[in-house]
């Protein structure tokens, strides 16, 4: 899936490295449980949010498929 450069840049502004997030939805057998929290490492060129999950997982949140939300 190709993501427009403008969307990737918007995601990078919305989810800078260090942002805390909570998993809302992820369609992957290896996904951490819904509600797992983690720290954003960055956003790749495909628009995936790279997260270091608190449970040790490192699966990315895929743009258009998965969902996370920012937390304080």
C-alpha atoms as a PDB file:
ATOM      1  CA  UNK A   1       0.000   0.000   0.000  1.00  0.00           C
ATOM      2  CA  UNK A   2       1.383   3.379  -1.038  1.00  0.00           C
ATOM      3  CA  UNK A   3       0.843   6.284   1.361  1.00  0.00           C
ATOM      4  CA  UNK A   4       1.139   9.869   0.117  1.00  0.00           C
ATOM      5  CA  UNK A   5       4.149  11.814   1.326  1.00  0.00           C
ATOM      6  CA  UNK A   6       1.860  14.471   2.842  1.00  0.00           C
ATOM      7  CA  UNK A   7       0.133  11.861   5.021  1.00  0.00           C
ATOM      8  CA  UNK A   8       3.480  10.458   6.194  1.00  0.00           C
ATOM      9  CA  UNK A   9       4.623  13.969   7.142  1.00  0.00           C
ATOM     10  CA  UNK A  10       1.347  14.591   9.005  1.00  0.00           C
ATOM     11  CA  UNK A  11       1.772  11.325  10.930  1.00  0.00           C
ATOM     12  CA  UNK A  12       5.346  12.271  11.819  1.00  0.00           C
ATOM     13  CA  UNK A  13       4.123  15.566  13.279  1.00  0.00           C
ATOM     14  CA  UNK A  14       1.259  13.868  15.128  1.00  0.00           C
ATOM     15  CA  UNK A  15       3.387  10.987  16.492  1.00  0.00           C
ATOM     16  CA  UNK A  16       6.939  12.254  17.108  1.00  0.00           C
ATOM     17  CA  UNK A  17       9.449   9.945  18.769  1.00  0.00           C
ATOM     18  CA  UNK A  18       8.746   9.656  22.464  1.00  0.00           C
ATOM     19  CA  UNK A  19       4.953   9.979  22.152  1.00  0.00           C
ATOM     20  CA  UNK A  20       3.074   7.552  24.386  1.00  0.00           C
ATOM     21  CA  UNK A  21       0.316   5.548  22.675  1.00  0.00           C
ATOM     22  CA  UNK A  22      -2.244   2.870  23.492  1.00  0.00           C
ATOM     23  CA  UNK A  23      -3.214   0.105  21.074  1.00  0.00           C
ATOM     24  CA  UNK A  24      -6.843   0.270  19.933  1.00  0.00           C
ATOM     25  CA  UNK A  25      -6.853  -2.240  17.063  1.00  0.00           C
ATOM     26  CA  UNK A  26      -4.278  -4.459  15.331  1.00  0.00           C
ATOM     27  CA  UNK A  27      -5.078  -7.275  12.917  1.00  0.00           C
ATOM     28  CA  UNK A  28      -2.090  -9.539  13.510  1.00  0.00           C
ATOM     29  CA  UNK A  29      -1.738 -12.878  15.298  1.00  0.00           C
ATOM     30  CA  UNK A  30       1.391 -11.555  17.029  1.00  0.00           C
ATOM     31  CA  UNK A  31      -0.309  -8.302  18.114  1.00  0.00           C
ATOM     32  CA  UNK A  32      -0.007  -7.161  21.691  1.00  0.00           C
ATOM     33  CA  UNK A  33      -3.297  -7.157  23.611  1.00  0.00           C
ATOM     34  CA  UNK A  34      -5.668  -4.251  22.984  1.00  0.00           C
ATOM     35  CA  UNK A  35      -4.925  -1.545  25.548  1.00  0.00           C
ATOM     36  CA  UNK A  36      -1.177  -2.229  25.574  1.00  0.00           C
ATOM     37  CA  UNK A  37       0.802   0.977  25.882  1.00  0.00           C
ATOM     38  CA  UNK A  38       4.065   1.882  24.244  1.00  0.00           C
ATOM     39  CA  UNK A  39       6.453   4.590  23.104  1.00  0.00           C
ATOM     40  CA  UNK A  40       6.690   5.791  19.503  1.00  0.00           C
ATOM     41  CA  UNK A  41      10.124   5.351  17.936  1.00  0.00           C
ATOM     42  CA  UNK A  42       9.163   7.119  14.687  1.00  0.00           C
ATOM     43  CA  UNK A  43       7.097   6.852  11.522  1.00  0.00           C
ATOM     44  CA  UNK A  44       8.525   5.006   8.512  1.00  0.00           C
ATOM     45  CA  UNK A  45       8.152   5.991   4.841  1.00  0.00           C
ATOM     46  CA  UNK A  46       5.073   3.740   4.490  1.00  0.00           C
ATOM     47  CA  UNK A  47       3.275   5.638   7.268  1.00  0.00           C
ATOM     48  CA  UNK A  48       3.599   2.857   9.847  1.00  0.00           C
ATOM     49  CA  UNK A  49       4.046   4.071  13.412  1.00  0.00           C
ATOM     50  CA  UNK A  50       7.010   2.214  14.900  1.00  0.00           C
ATOM     51  CA  UNK A  51       6.314   1.483  18.563  1.00  0.00           C
ATOM     52  CA  UNK A  52       8.272  -0.078  21.403  1.00  0.00           C
ATOM     53  CA  UNK A  53       5.410  -1.692  23.308  1.00  0.00           C
ATOM     54  CA  UNK A  54       5.668  -1.938  27.100  1.00  0.00           C
ATOM     55  CA  UNK A  55       5.242  -5.734  26.883  1.00  0.00           C
ATOM     56  CA  UNK A  56       8.397  -6.076  24.762  1.00  0.00           C
ATOM     57  CA  UNK A  57       6.733  -6.290  21.342  1.00  0.00           C
ATOM     58  CA  UNK A  58       7.926  -4.054  18.521  1.00  0.00           C
ATOM     59  CA  UNK A  59       5.172  -4.473  15.931  1.00  0.00           C
ATOM     60  CA  UNK A  60       4.370  -1.301  14.012  1.00  0.00           C
ATOM     61  CA  UNK A  61       0.903   0.239  13.771  1.00  0.00           C
ATOM     62  CA  UNK A  62       0.122  -0.019  10.036  1.00  0.00           C
ATOM     63  CA  UNK A  63      -1.532   3.050   8.501  1.00  0.00           C
ATOM     64  CA  UNK A  64      -5.068   2.299   7.324  1.00  0.00           C
ATOM     65  CA  UNK A  65      -5.258  -1.093   9.066  1.00  0.00           C
ATOM     66  CA  UNK A  66      -4.301  -0.758  12.710  1.00  0.00           C
ATOM     67  CA  UNK A  67      -5.131   1.957  15.211  1.00  0.00           C
ATOM     68  CA  UNK A  68      -3.529   3.513  18.243  1.00  0.00           C
ATOM     69  CA  UNK A  69      -4.267   6.652  20.230  1.00  0.00           C
ATOM     70  CA  UNK A  70      -2.061   9.151  21.982  1.00  0.00           C
ATOM     71  CA  UNK A  71      -2.069   9.109  25.770  1.00  0.00           C
ATOM     72  CA  UNK A  72      -0.640  11.466  28.376  1.00  0.00           C
END
